[in-house]
Amino acid sequence: MGDTEETSVRLTSKGLATREHIVGMAAELVHQQGVQGTTNDDVRKAAGISGSQLSHYFRDKESLVRAVIARRSEQVLVIGRAPSMDRLDSIPALRAWANFYIEREDVCLTGCRFGSLASQVLKSDLALKDDVAAGFEGWQDDFREGLSAMRDRGELRNDADPNRLGYLLLAAYQGGMLLTQAAQSVAPLEAALNGAIDYISTFLTAA
């Protein structure tokens, strides 16, 4: 992800806005057409820019998809850190996080955009597996930090492993989203997330 960061440092405010516009259009096209089905020319036309402009910001498809991965990853983290949500360091906060997704009207249609993107990238010939892993790890960090805070405060027993429980939440979300899309019913996601949080609750101390 260093390439995108270095590029961003050199850009003017207008250049950054143009780059963000390109990444936004690319993200939507990839969601609709898939990673393999989206070409740089598709993105160029959708963004209304020339080929030289696109090349100025992204030297190839790999660098463009890398930026899309970073965008989707950041969107996931922004939702989890929204002011309307507590830090994920209590059972009520985890319930609020789960309910945010369970109650979304479009949950059966959109699924997890980062998860869908990650699946496509991992099956492609693009050398972006580390970027996908970093995206999931950033998500995992939020769970791990919240659960660690609960254990440090004595709300979770010492045998509660924040790392393992964080992966449980992440897996419940990803699997629940996929099943919800397939079934066109929010029931699988609701069961998966609430089941994971119920399990975490078994580690609560008597206090």
N, C-alpha and C. Protein backbone atom coordinates (compact mmCIF):
# COMPACT_ATOMS: atom_id res chain seq x y z
N MET A 1 0.82 -1.21 0.00
CA MET A 1 0.00 0.00 0.00
C MET A 1 0.86 1.26 0.00
N GLY A 2 2.20 1.08 0.02
CA GLY A 2 3.08 2.23 0.04
C GLY A 2 2.96 3.07 -1.20
N ASP A 3 2.72 2.46 -2.35
CA ASP A 3 2.62 3.22 -3.59
C ASP A 3 1.53 4.26 -3.52
N THR A 4 0.35 3.86 -3.01
CA THR A 4 -0.76 4.80 -2.95
C THR A 4 -0.47 5.90 -1.94
N GLU A 5 0.20 5.57 -0.83
CA GLU A 5 0.49 6.57 0.17
C GLU A 5 1.49 7.59 -0.37
N GLU A 6 2.54 7.10 -1.08
CA GLU A 6 3.53 8.01 -1.63
C GLU A 6 2.90 8.94 -2.67
N THR A 7 2.01 8.37 -3.51
CA THR A 7 1.33 9.18 -4.52
C THR A 7 0.50 10.27 -3.87
N SER A 8 -0.21 9.91 -2.78
CA SER A 8 -1.09 10.86 -2.12
C SER A 8 -0.31 12.04 -1.57
N VAL A 9 0.91 11.79 -1.08
CA VAL A 9 1.71 12.85 -0.49
C VAL A 9 2.05 13.90 -1.54
N ARG A 10 2.28 13.50 -2.76
CA ARG A 10 2.72 14.41 -3.82
C ARG A 10 1.57 15.17 -4.48
N LEU A 11 0.33 14.81 -4.21
CA LEU A 11 -0.79 15.40 -4.92
C LEU A 11 -1.29 16.69 -4.28
N THR A 12 -1.77 17.59 -5.13
CA THR A 12 -2.43 18.79 -4.64
C THR A 12 -3.83 18.42 -4.16
N SER A 13 -4.54 19.36 -3.56
CA SER A 13 -5.90 19.09 -3.10
C SER A 13 -6.81 18.72 -4.28
N LYS A 14 -6.60 19.38 -5.42
CA LYS A 14 -7.39 19.05 -6.61
C LYS A 14 -7.02 17.65 -7.10
N GLY A 15 -5.72 17.35 -7.07
CA GLY A 15 -5.28 16.02 -7.49
C GLY A 15 -5.82 14.93 -6.58
N LEU A 16 -5.85 15.19 -5.29
CA LEU A 16 -6.40 14.22 -4.34
C LEU A 16 -7.88 13.98 -4.61
N ALA A 17 -8.60 15.06 -4.92
CA ALA A 17 -10.04 14.93 -5.20
C ALA A 17 -10.26 14.10 -6.46
N THR A 18 -9.43 14.33 -7.47
CA THR A 18 -9.54 13.55 -8.70
C THR A 18 -9.24 12.09 -8.43
N ARG A 19 -8.20 11.85 -7.66
CA ARG A 19 -7.82 10.47 -7.34
C ARG A 19 -8.94 9.77 -6.56
N GLU A 20 -9.53 10.47 -5.60
CA GLU A 20 -10.63 9.88 -4.83
C GLU A 20 -11.82 9.56 -5.71
N HIS A 21 -12.08 10.44 -6.68
CA HIS A 21 -13.18 10.21 -7.62
C HIS A 21 -12.92 8.94 -8.44
N ILE A 22 -11.70 8.79 -8.90
CA ILE A 22 -11.34 7.59 -9.68
C ILE A 22 -11.50 6.34 -8.84
N VAL A 23 -11.01 6.37 -7.61
CA VAL A 23 -11.10 5.20 -6.73
C VAL A 23 -12.56 4.86 -6.44
N GLY A 24 -13.38 5.89 -6.23
CA GLY A 24 -14.80 5.67 -5.96
C GLY A 24 -15.49 5.00 -7.13
N MET A 25 -15.22 5.48 -8.34
CA MET A 25 -15.82 4.88 -9.53
C MET A 25 -15.31 3.45 -9.72
N ALA A 26 -14.02 3.24 -9.49
CA ALA A 26 -13.45 1.90 -9.63
C ALA A 26 -14.08 0.93 -8.63
N ALA A 27 -14.28 1.40 -7.41
CA ALA A 27 -14.87 0.54 -6.38
C ALA A 27 -16.28 0.10 -6.77
N GLU A 28 -17.07 1.01 -7.32
CA GLU A 28 -18.43 0.66 -7.73
C GLU A 28 -18.42 -0.31 -8.92
N LEU A 29 -17.55 -0.06 -9.87
CA LEU A 29 -17.47 -0.94 -11.03
C LEU A 29 -17.01 -2.35 -10.63
N VAL A 30 -16.04 -2.42 -9.74
CA VAL A 30 -15.55 -3.72 -9.28
C VAL A 30 -16.66 -4.46 -8.55
N HIS A 31 -17.45 -3.73 -7.77
CA HIS A 31 -18.55 -4.37 -7.05
C HIS A 31 -19.59 -4.92 -8.03
N GLN A 32 -19.85 -4.18 -9.10
CA GLN A 32 -20.86 -4.59 -10.07
C GLN A 32 -20.35 -5.64 -11.05
N GLN A 33 -19.09 -5.49 -11.50
CA GLN A 33 -18.57 -6.32 -12.59
C GLN A 33 -17.51 -7.33 -12.14
N GLY A 34 -17.04 -7.18 -10.91
CA GLY A 34 -15.98 -8.05 -10.44
C GLY A 34 -14.61 -7.51 -10.77
N VAL A 35 -13.59 -8.03 -10.09
CA VAL A 35 -12.22 -7.59 -10.33
C VAL A 35 -11.76 -7.94 -11.74
N GLN A 36 -12.00 -9.19 -12.14
CA GLN A 36 -11.56 -9.63 -13.46
C GLN A 36 -12.33 -8.94 -14.58
N GLY A 37 -13.61 -8.62 -14.33
CA GLY A 37 -14.44 -8.04 -15.36
C GLY A 37 -14.32 -6.54 -15.51
N THR A 38 -13.51 -5.91 -14.66
CA THR A 38 -13.34 -4.46 -14.71
C THR A 38 -11.96 -4.11 -15.26
N THR A 39 -11.93 -3.33 -16.33
CA THR A 39 -10.67 -2.91 -16.92
C THR A 39 -10.39 -1.45 -16.57
N ASN A 40 -9.14 -1.05 -16.75
CA ASN A 40 -8.80 0.35 -16.53
C ASN A 40 -9.56 1.26 -17.48
N ASP A 41 -9.84 0.76 -18.68
CA ASP A 41 -10.59 1.57 -19.64
C ASP A 41 -12.03 1.78 -19.16
N ASP A 42 -12.61 0.75 -18.52
CA ASP A 42 -13.94 0.90 -17.94
C ASP A 42 -13.93 2.02 -16.91
N VAL A 43 -12.91 2.01 -16.07
CA VAL A 43 -12.80 3.02 -15.00
C VAL A 43 -12.60 4.40 -15.61
N ARG A 44 -11.75 4.47 -16.61
CA ARG A 44 -11.50 5.76 -17.27
C ARG A 44 -12.79 6.37 -17.81
N LYS A 45 -13.58 5.55 -18.49
CA LYS A 45 -14.84 6.05 -19.07
C LYS A 45 -15.82 6.46 -17.97
N ALA A 46 -15.93 5.64 -16.94
CA ALA A 46 -16.87 5.93 -15.85
C ALA A 46 -16.47 7.20 -15.11
N ALA A 47 -15.17 7.42 -14.95
CA ALA A 47 -14.69 8.59 -14.22
C ALA A 47 -14.65 9.84 -15.09
N GLY A 48 -14.79 9.65 -16.41
CA GLY A 48 -14.77 10.79 -17.33
C GLY A 48 -13.41 11.44 -17.43
N ILE A 49 -12.37 10.62 -17.49
CA ILE A 49 -11.01 11.15 -17.59
C ILE A 49 -10.29 10.51 -18.78
N SER A 50 -9.13 11.05 -19.11
CA SER A 50 -8.34 10.51 -20.21
C SER A 50 -7.45 9.36 -19.72
N GLY A 51 -6.93 8.62 -20.66
CA GLY A 51 -6.03 7.54 -20.31
C GLY A 51 -4.77 8.05 -19.61
N SER A 52 -4.26 9.20 -20.05
CA SER A 52 -3.06 9.76 -19.44
C SER A 52 -3.33 10.21 -18.01
N GLN A 53 -4.53 10.73 -17.76
CA GLN A 53 -4.89 11.11 -16.40
C GLN A 53 -4.93 9.89 -15.48
N LEU A 54 -5.54 8.82 -15.97
CA LEU A 54 -5.61 7.61 -15.16
C LEU A 54 -4.21 7.08 -14.86
N SER A 55 -3.35 7.09 -15.88
CA SER A 55 -1.99 6.60 -15.70
C SER A 55 -1.19 7.48 -14.75
N HIS A 56 -1.55 8.74 -14.66
CA HIS A 56 -0.86 9.66 -13.75
C HIS A 56 -1.07 9.24 -12.30
N TYR A 57 -2.27 8.75 -12.00
CA TYR A 57 -2.60 8.37 -10.63
C TYR A 57 -2.35 6.88 -10.35
N PHE A 58 -2.54 6.06 -11.36
CA PHE A 58 -2.39 4.60 -11.18
C PHE A 58 -1.67 4.02 -12.38
N ARG A 59 -0.49 3.46 -12.13
CA ARG A 59 0.34 3.00 -13.24
C ARG A 59 -0.19 1.74 -13.91
N ASP A 60 -1.00 0.95 -13.16
CA ASP A 60 -1.55 -0.28 -13.73
C ASP A 60 -2.80 -0.69 -12.95
N LYS A 61 -3.41 -1.78 -13.38
CA LYS A 61 -4.63 -2.24 -12.73
C LYS A 61 -4.37 -2.64 -11.28
N GLU A 62 -3.23 -3.24 -11.04
CA GLU A 62 -2.92 -3.70 -9.68
C GLU A 62 -2.91 -2.53 -8.69
N SER A 63 -2.29 -1.43 -9.07
CA SER A 63 -2.23 -0.28 -8.17
C SER A 63 -3.61 0.32 -7.96
N LEU A 64 -4.46 0.25 -8.99
CA LEU A 64 -5.83 0.76 -8.86
C LEU A 64 -6.65 -0.12 -7.93
N VAL A 65 -6.55 -1.43 -8.10
CA VAL A 65 -7.30 -2.34 -7.22
C VAL A 65 -6.77 -2.25 -5.79
N ARG A 66 -5.47 -2.01 -5.63
CA ARG A 66 -4.92 -1.82 -4.29
C ARG A 66 -5.60 -0.64 -3.59
N ALA A 67 -5.82 0.42 -4.34
CA ALA A 67 -6.49 1.60 -3.78
C ALA A 67 -7.95 1.29 -3.43
N VAL A 68 -8.59 0.47 -4.25
CA VAL A 68 -9.98 0.07 -3.97
C VAL A 68 -10.04 -0.76 -2.69
N ILE A 69 -9.09 -1.67 -2.50
CA ILE A 69 -9.03 -2.47 -1.28
C ILE A 69 -8.89 -1.56 -0.07
N ALA A 70 -7.99 -0.58 -0.17
CA ALA A 70 -7.79 0.36 0.93
C ALA A 70 -9.07 1.15 1.22
N ARG A 71 -9.77 1.55 0.17
CA ARG A 71 -11.02 2.31 0.33
C ARG A 71 -12.07 1.47 1.05
N ARG A 72 -12.28 0.24 0.59
CA ARG A 72 -13.29 -0.62 1.21
C ARG A 72 -12.92 -0.94 2.66
N SER A 73 -11.64 -1.17 2.91
CA SER A 73 -11.19 -1.46 4.26
C SER A 73 -11.46 -0.28 5.19
N GLU A 74 -11.16 0.90 4.73
CA GLU A 74 -11.36 2.10 5.54
C GLU A 74 -12.84 2.33 5.80
N GLN A 75 -13.69 2.06 4.82
CA GLN A 75 -15.13 2.23 5.02
C GLN A 75 -15.65 1.32 6.12
N VAL A 76 -15.14 0.09 6.15
CA VAL A 76 -15.53 -0.85 7.21
C VAL A 76 -15.13 -0.31 8.57
N LEU A 77 -13.92 0.20 8.69
CA LEU A 77 -13.42 0.69 9.97
C LEU A 77 -14.15 1.96 10.40
N VAL A 78 -14.47 2.81 9.46
CA VAL A 78 -15.19 4.05 9.78
C VAL A 78 -16.55 3.74 10.39
N ILE A 79 -17.25 2.74 9.85
CA ILE A 79 -18.55 2.35 10.40
C ILE A 79 -18.39 1.87 11.83
N GLY A 80 -17.38 1.04 12.08
CA GLY A 80 -17.18 0.51 13.42
C GLY A 80 -16.76 1.55 14.42
N ARG A 81 -16.22 2.68 13.92
CA ARG A 81 -15.75 3.73 14.82
C ARG A 81 -16.63 4.97 14.77
N ALA A 82 -17.82 4.83 14.22
CA ALA A 82 -18.72 5.97 14.08
C ALA A 82 -19.10 6.53 15.45
N PRO A 83 -19.26 7.87 15.55
CA PRO A 83 -19.62 8.48 16.83
C PRO A 83 -20.91 7.92 17.42
N SER A 84 -21.81 7.45 16.56
CA SER A 84 -23.08 6.92 17.03
C SER A 84 -22.91 5.55 17.69
N MET A 85 -21.74 4.93 17.51
CA MET A 85 -21.47 3.62 18.12
C MET A 85 -20.43 3.78 19.22
N ASP A 86 -20.61 3.01 20.29
CA ASP A 86 -19.60 2.99 21.32
C ASP A 86 -18.38 2.24 20.80
N ARG A 87 -17.27 2.43 21.50
CA ARG A 87 -16.11 1.59 21.22
C ARG A 87 -16.53 0.14 21.47
N LEU A 88 -15.98 -0.77 20.70
CA LEU A 88 -16.42 -2.17 20.79
C LEU A 88 -15.81 -2.85 22.01
N ASP A 89 -16.09 -2.31 23.18
CA ASP A 89 -15.47 -2.82 24.41
C ASP A 89 -16.50 -3.17 25.48
N SER A 90 -17.69 -3.57 25.05
CA SER A 90 -18.72 -4.05 25.97
C SER A 90 -19.70 -4.91 25.19
N ILE A 91 -20.44 -5.74 25.88
CA ILE A 91 -21.45 -6.56 25.21
C ILE A 91 -22.51 -5.67 24.56
N PRO A 92 -23.03 -4.63 25.24
CA PRO A 92 -24.00 -3.75 24.58
C PRO A 92 -23.44 -3.09 23.32
N ALA A 93 -22.15 -2.72 23.34
CA ALA A 93 -21.54 -2.10 22.16
C ALA A 93 -21.46 -3.10 21.02
N LEU A 94 -21.13 -4.34 21.32
CA LEU A 94 -21.09 -5.38 20.29
C LEU A 94 -22.48 -5.65 19.74
N ARG A 95 -23.49 -5.64 20.61
CA ARG A 95 -24.87 -5.82 20.14
C ARG A 95 -25.27 -4.67 19.21
N ALA A 96 -24.88 -3.44 19.56
CA ALA A 96 -25.21 -2.29 18.72
C ALA A 96 -24.54 -2.41 17.36
N TRP A 97 -23.28 -2.86 17.38
CA TRP A 97 -22.56 -3.07 16.12
C TRP A 97 -23.27 -4.13 15.26
N ALA A 98 -23.66 -5.23 15.87
CA ALA A 98 -24.35 -6.30 15.14
C ALA A 98 -25.68 -5.80 14.60
N ASN A 99 -26.42 -5.08 15.42
CA ASN A 99 -27.75 -4.60 15.01
C ASN A 99 -27.67 -3.59 13.87
N PHE A 100 -26.57 -2.85 13.81
CA PHE A 100 -26.40 -1.89 12.72
C PHE A 100 -26.50 -2.61 11.38
N TYR A 101 -25.87 -3.78 11.28
CA TYR A 101 -25.89 -4.54 10.03
C TYR A 101 -27.18 -5.35 9.88
N ILE A 102 -27.65 -5.93 10.97
CA ILE A 102 -28.86 -6.74 10.91
C ILE A 102 -30.06 -5.91 10.44
N GLU A 103 -30.09 -4.65 10.85
CA GLU A 103 -31.24 -3.79 10.56
C GLU A 103 -31.10 -3.00 9.27
N ARG A 104 -30.00 -3.14 8.55
CA ARG A 104 -29.85 -2.42 7.29
C ARG A 104 -30.83 -2.95 6.26
N GLU A 105 -31.51 -2.04 5.57
CA GLU A 105 -32.51 -2.45 4.60
C GLU A 105 -31.90 -3.18 3.40
N ASP A 106 -30.66 -2.83 3.07
CA ASP A 106 -30.04 -3.42 1.88
C ASP A 106 -29.12 -4.59 2.19
N VAL A 107 -29.19 -5.11 3.41
CA VAL A 107 -28.22 -6.13 3.82
C VAL A 107 -28.29 -7.38 2.95
N CYS A 108 -29.47 -7.75 2.49
CA CYS A 108 -29.61 -8.97 1.68
C CYS A 108 -29.09 -8.77 0.26
N LEU A 109 -28.98 -7.52 -0.17
CA LEU A 109 -28.54 -7.23 -1.53
C LEU A 109 -27.04 -6.99 -1.63
N THR A 110 -26.50 -6.21 -0.69
CA THR A 110 -25.10 -5.79 -0.82
C THR A 110 -24.11 -6.78 -0.23
N GLY A 111 -24.48 -7.47 0.83
CA GLY A 111 -23.53 -8.34 1.51
C GLY A 111 -22.39 -7.50 2.06
N CYS A 112 -21.25 -8.12 2.27
CA CYS A 112 -20.07 -7.39 2.72
C CYS A 112 -19.23 -7.03 1.50
N ARG A 113 -19.14 -5.77 1.20
CA ARG A 113 -18.41 -5.36 0.00
C ARG A 113 -16.92 -5.66 0.12
N PHE A 114 -16.38 -5.51 1.32
CA PHE A 114 -14.96 -5.82 1.47
C PHE A 114 -14.74 -7.33 1.35
N GLY A 115 -15.60 -8.12 1.95
CA GLY A 115 -15.47 -9.57 1.85
C GLY A 115 -15.59 -10.06 0.43
N SER A 116 -16.55 -9.51 -0.32
CA SER A 116 -16.72 -9.90 -1.72
C SER A 116 -15.49 -9.53 -2.54
N LEU A 117 -14.98 -8.31 -2.30
CA LEU A 117 -13.78 -7.85 -3.01
C LEU A 117 -12.59 -8.74 -2.67
N ALA A 118 -12.43 -9.05 -1.37
CA ALA A 118 -11.31 -9.87 -0.94
C ALA A 118 -11.34 -11.23 -1.61
N SER A 119 -12.52 -11.83 -1.68
CA SER A 119 -12.65 -13.15 -2.30
C SER A 119 -12.22 -13.12 -3.76
N GLN A 120 -12.61 -12.08 -4.47
CA GLN A 120 -12.25 -11.98 -5.88
C GLN A 120 -10.76 -11.73 -6.07
N VAL A 121 -10.20 -10.88 -5.23
CA VAL A 121 -8.77 -10.56 -5.35
C VAL A 121 -7.93 -11.80 -5.07
N LEU A 122 -8.31 -12.57 -4.05
CA LEU A 122 -7.54 -13.77 -3.69
C LEU A 122 -7.56 -14.82 -4.79
N LYS A 123 -8.59 -14.80 -5.62
CA LYS A 123 -8.69 -15.76 -6.72
C LYS A 123 -8.11 -15.21 -8.02
N SER A 124 -7.67 -13.96 -8.01
CA SER A 124 -7.11 -13.35 -9.22
C SER A 124 -5.60 -13.56 -9.26
N ASP A 125 -4.99 -13.07 -10.34
CA ASP A 125 -3.54 -13.18 -10.46
C ASP A 125 -2.83 -11.92 -9.99
N LEU A 126 -3.57 -11.04 -9.31
CA LEU A 126 -2.97 -9.80 -8.80
C LEU A 126 -2.22 -10.10 -7.50
N ALA A 127 -1.07 -9.48 -7.34
CA ALA A 127 -0.24 -9.71 -6.15
C ALA A 127 -0.68 -8.80 -5.02
N LEU A 128 -1.90 -9.04 -4.53
CA LEU A 128 -2.48 -8.14 -3.53
C LEU A 128 -2.98 -8.89 -2.29
N LYS A 129 -2.50 -10.10 -2.09
CA LYS A 129 -2.94 -10.89 -0.93
C LYS A 129 -2.58 -10.20 0.38
N ASP A 130 -1.42 -9.56 0.43
CA ASP A 130 -1.01 -8.86 1.66
C ASP A 130 -1.94 -7.69 1.95
N ASP A 131 -2.42 -7.02 0.92
CA ASP A 131 -3.34 -5.90 1.11
C ASP A 131 -4.67 -6.38 1.67
N VAL A 132 -5.14 -7.52 1.16
CA VAL A 132 -6.38 -8.10 1.67
C VAL A 132 -6.20 -8.50 3.13
N ALA A 133 -5.09 -9.15 3.43
CA ALA A 133 -4.82 -9.58 4.81
C ALA A 133 -4.75 -8.38 5.74
N ALA A 134 -4.13 -7.30 5.29
CA ALA A 134 -4.02 -6.09 6.11
C ALA A 134 -5.39 -5.48 6.37
N GLY A 135 -6.27 -5.54 5.38
CA GLY A 135 -7.62 -5.02 5.55
C GLY A 135 -8.37 -5.78 6.63
N PHE A 136 -8.30 -7.10 6.58
CA PHE A 136 -8.96 -7.91 7.60
C PHE A 136 -8.30 -7.71 8.97
N GLU A 137 -7.00 -7.54 8.98
CA GLU A 137 -6.29 -7.39 10.25
C GLU A 137 -6.67 -6.07 10.93
N GLY A 138 -6.90 -5.02 10.14
CA GLY A 138 -7.35 -3.76 10.72
C GLY A 138 -8.70 -3.92 11.40
N TRP A 139 -9.57 -4.68 10.79
CA TRP A 139 -10.89 -4.98 11.35
C TRP A 139 -10.73 -5.80 12.63
N GLN A 140 -9.87 -6.82 12.55
CA GLN A 140 -9.60 -7.68 13.70
C GLN A 140 -9.02 -6.87 14.87
N ASP A 141 -8.20 -5.88 14.57
CA ASP A 141 -7.61 -5.05 15.61
C ASP A 141 -8.67 -4.35 16.46
N ASP A 142 -9.72 -3.85 15.80
CA ASP A 142 -10.79 -3.17 16.53
C ASP A 142 -11.46 -4.11 17.53
N PHE A 143 -11.75 -5.33 17.08
CA PHE A 143 -12.35 -6.31 17.99
C PHE A 143 -11.38 -6.67 19.12
N ARG A 144 -10.14 -6.92 18.76
CA ARG A 144 -9.14 -7.34 19.73
C ARG A 144 -8.92 -6.26 20.81
N GLU A 145 -8.86 -5.01 20.38
CA GLU A 145 -8.65 -3.92 21.34
C GLU A 145 -9.83 -3.78 22.30
N GLY A 146 -11.05 -3.88 21.75
CA GLY A 146 -12.23 -3.78 22.60
C GLY A 146 -12.33 -4.92 23.60
N LEU A 147 -12.09 -6.13 23.13
CA LEU A 147 -12.16 -7.30 24.00
C LEU A 147 -11.04 -7.30 25.03
N SER A 148 -9.86 -6.82 24.63
CA SER A 148 -8.75 -6.71 25.57
C SER A 148 -9.09 -5.71 26.68
N ALA A 149 -9.74 -4.61 26.31
CA ALA A 149 -10.14 -3.61 27.31
C ALA A 149 -11.14 -4.22 28.30
N MET A 150 -12.06 -5.04 27.80
CA MET A 150 -13.02 -5.70 28.69
C MET A 150 -12.31 -6.64 29.66
N ARG A 151 -11.33 -7.37 29.16
CA ARG A 151 -10.59 -8.30 30.03
C ARG A 151 -9.74 -7.52 31.04
N ASP A 152 -9.12 -6.43 30.59
CA ASP A 152 -8.29 -5.62 31.50
C ASP A 152 -9.12 -5.00 32.62
N ARG A 153 -10.37 -4.69 32.32
CA ARG A 153 -11.25 -4.12 33.35
C ARG A 153 -11.84 -5.19 34.25
N GLY A 154 -11.57 -6.43 33.96
CA GLY A 154 -12.10 -7.51 34.77
C GLY A 154 -13.50 -7.94 34.40
N GLU A 155 -13.99 -7.48 33.24
CA GLU A 155 -15.34 -7.85 32.81
C GLU A 155 -15.36 -9.21 32.11
N LEU A 156 -14.22 -9.58 31.52
CA LEU A 156 -14.07 -10.90 30.92
C LEU A 156 -13.05 -11.69 31.74
N ARG A 157 -13.25 -12.99 31.83
CA ARG A 157 -12.31 -13.84 32.56
C ARG A 157 -10.93 -13.82 31.90
N ASN A 158 -9.94 -14.17 32.64
CA ASN A 158 -8.57 -14.18 32.12
C ASN A 158 -8.37 -15.18 30.99
N ASP A 159 -9.20 -16.24 30.96
CA ASP A 159 -9.05 -17.23 29.90
C ASP A 159 -9.73 -16.82 28.60
N ALA A 160 -10.34 -15.65 28.57
CA ALA A 160 -10.93 -15.13 27.33
C ALA A 160 -9.79 -14.61 26.45
N ASP A 161 -9.65 -15.16 25.26
CA ASP A 161 -8.58 -14.78 24.33
C ASP A 161 -9.11 -13.75 23.33
N PRO A 162 -8.75 -12.47 23.49
CA PRO A 162 -9.27 -11.43 22.59
C PRO A 162 -8.99 -11.71 21.12
N ASN A 163 -7.86 -12.33 20.83
CA ASN A 163 -7.51 -12.62 19.44
C ASN A 163 -8.47 -13.65 18.84
N ARG A 164 -8.67 -14.75 19.54
CA ARG A 164 -9.56 -15.80 19.05
C ARG A 164 -11.01 -15.31 18.99
N LEU A 165 -11.44 -14.59 20.01
CA LEU A 165 -12.82 -14.10 20.02
C LEU A 165 -13.04 -13.05 18.93
N GLY A 166 -12.00 -12.29 18.64
CA GLY A 166 -12.10 -11.31 17.54
C GLY A 166 -12.28 -12.01 16.21
N TYR A 167 -11.52 -13.09 16.00
CA TYR A 167 -11.68 -13.86 14.77
C TYR A 167 -13.08 -14.49 14.69
N LEU A 168 -13.60 -14.88 15.83
CA LEU A 168 -14.95 -15.45 15.87
C LEU A 168 -15.97 -14.43 15.36
N LEU A 169 -15.86 -13.20 15.84
CA LEU A 169 -16.79 -12.15 15.41
C LEU A 169 -16.64 -11.88 13.91
N LEU A 170 -15.40 -11.81 13.45
CA LEU A 170 -15.15 -11.53 12.04
C LEU A 170 -15.67 -12.65 11.15
N ALA A 171 -15.44 -13.89 11.57
CA ALA A 171 -15.92 -15.04 10.79
C ALA A 171 -17.44 -15.12 10.81
N ALA A 172 -18.05 -14.81 11.95
CA ALA A 172 -19.51 -14.82 12.05
C ALA A 172 -20.12 -13.78 11.11
N TYR A 173 -19.47 -12.62 11.04
CA TYR A 173 -19.97 -11.57 10.16
C TYR A 173 -19.83 -11.97 8.69
N GLN A 174 -18.64 -12.43 8.31
CA GLN A 174 -18.41 -12.78 6.91
C GLN A 174 -19.30 -13.94 6.47
N GLY A 175 -19.35 -14.99 7.28
CA GLY A 175 -20.19 -16.13 6.92
C GLY A 175 -21.66 -15.79 6.94
N GLY A 176 -22.07 -15.02 7.94
CA GLY A 176 -23.47 -14.62 8.03
C GLY A 176 -23.91 -13.76 6.87
N MET A 177 -23.03 -12.87 6.43
CA MET A 177 -23.35 -12.02 5.29
C MET A 177 -23.52 -12.84 4.01
N LEU A 178 -22.63 -13.80 3.80
CA LEU A 178 -22.72 -14.63 2.61
C LEU A 178 -24.02 -15.45 2.60
N LEU A 179 -24.35 -16.06 3.73
CA LEU A 179 -25.57 -16.85 3.83
C LEU A 179 -26.82 -15.98 3.69
N THR A 180 -26.75 -14.78 4.22
CA THR A 180 -27.88 -13.86 4.12
C THR A 180 -28.13 -13.45 2.67
N GLN A 181 -27.04 -13.22 1.93
CA GLN A 181 -27.20 -12.92 0.51
C GLN A 181 -27.81 -14.09 -0.24
N ALA A 182 -27.35 -15.29 0.06
CA ALA A 182 -27.84 -16.48 -0.64
C ALA A 182 -29.30 -16.75 -0.32
N ALA A 183 -29.67 -16.59 0.95
CA ALA A 183 -31.03 -16.90 1.39
C ALA A 183 -32.00 -15.74 1.19
N GLN A 184 -31.43 -14.54 0.91
CA GLN A 184 -32.24 -13.33 0.82
C GLN A 184 -33.09 -13.16 2.08
N SER A 185 -32.44 -13.44 3.19
CA SER A 185 -33.07 -13.31 4.51
C SER A 185 -31.98 -12.91 5.49
N VAL A 186 -32.30 -12.01 6.40
CA VAL A 186 -31.32 -11.55 7.38
C VAL A 186 -31.12 -12.56 8.51
N ALA A 187 -31.93 -13.62 8.53
CA ALA A 187 -31.88 -14.59 9.63
C ALA A 187 -30.50 -15.21 9.83
N PRO A 188 -29.78 -15.64 8.76
CA PRO A 188 -28.45 -16.22 8.99
C PRO A 188 -27.47 -15.25 9.64
N LEU A 189 -27.47 -14.00 9.20
CA LEU A 189 -26.57 -13.01 9.78
C LEU A 189 -26.93 -12.75 11.24
N GLU A 190 -28.21 -12.63 11.50
CA GLU A 190 -28.67 -12.38 12.87
C GLU A 190 -28.25 -13.53 13.79
N ALA A 191 -28.44 -14.75 13.32
CA ALA A 191 -28.08 -15.92 14.13
C ALA A 191 -26.57 -16.00 14.36
N ALA A 192 -25.79 -15.72 13.30
CA ALA A 192 -24.34 -15.82 13.40
C ALA A 192 -23.77 -14.78 14.36
N LEU A 193 -24.18 -13.53 14.19
CA LEU A 193 -23.63 -12.48 15.03
C LEU A 193 -24.09 -12.61 16.48
N ASN A 194 -25.37 -12.85 16.68
CA ASN A 194 -25.86 -12.98 18.06
C ASN A 194 -25.29 -14.23 18.72
N GLY A 195 -25.10 -15.29 17.94
CA GLY A 195 -24.50 -16.50 18.49
C GLY A 195 -23.06 -16.25 18.95
N ALA A 196 -22.30 -15.51 18.14
CA ALA A 196 -20.92 -15.20 18.50
C ALA A 196 -20.87 -14.33 19.76
N ILE A 197 -21.74 -13.34 19.82
CA ILE A 197 -21.76 -12.45 21.00
C ILE A 197 -22.25 -13.21 22.23
N ASP A 198 -23.21 -14.11 22.06
CA ASP A 198 -23.67 -14.94 23.17
C ASP A 198 -22.51 -15.78 23.72
N TYR A 199 -21.68 -16.30 22.81
CA TYR A 199 -20.54 -17.11 23.26
C TYR A 199 -19.55 -16.24 24.04
N ILE A 200 -19.26 -15.03 23.54
CA ILE A 200 -18.38 -14.13 24.26
C ILE A 200 -18.94 -13.83 25.65
N SER A 201 -20.25 -13.72 25.74
CA SER A 201 -20.90 -13.43 27.02
C SER A 201 -20.65 -14.52 28.06
N THR A 202 -20.36 -15.73 27.61
CA THR A 202 -20.10 -16.82 28.57
C THR A 202 -18.79 -16.60 29.31
N PHE A 203 -17.94 -15.69 28.82
CA PHE A 203 -16.69 -15.38 29.49
C PHE A 203 -16.83 -14.21 30.49
N LEU A 204 -18.03 -13.65 30.60
CA LEU A 204 -18.23 -12.54 31.54
C LEU A 204 -18.00 -13.03 32.97
N THR A 205 -17.37 -12.18 33.77
CA THR A 205 -17.17 -12.51 35.18
C THR A 205 -18.44 -12.25 35.96
N ALA A 206 -18.52 -12.80 37.14
CA ALA A 206 -19.72 -12.62 37.98
C ALA A 206 -19.92 -11.16 38.30
N ALA A 207 -18.80 -10.43 38.47
CA ALA A 207 -18.92 -9.00 38.80
C ALA A 207 -19.55 -8.22 37.68
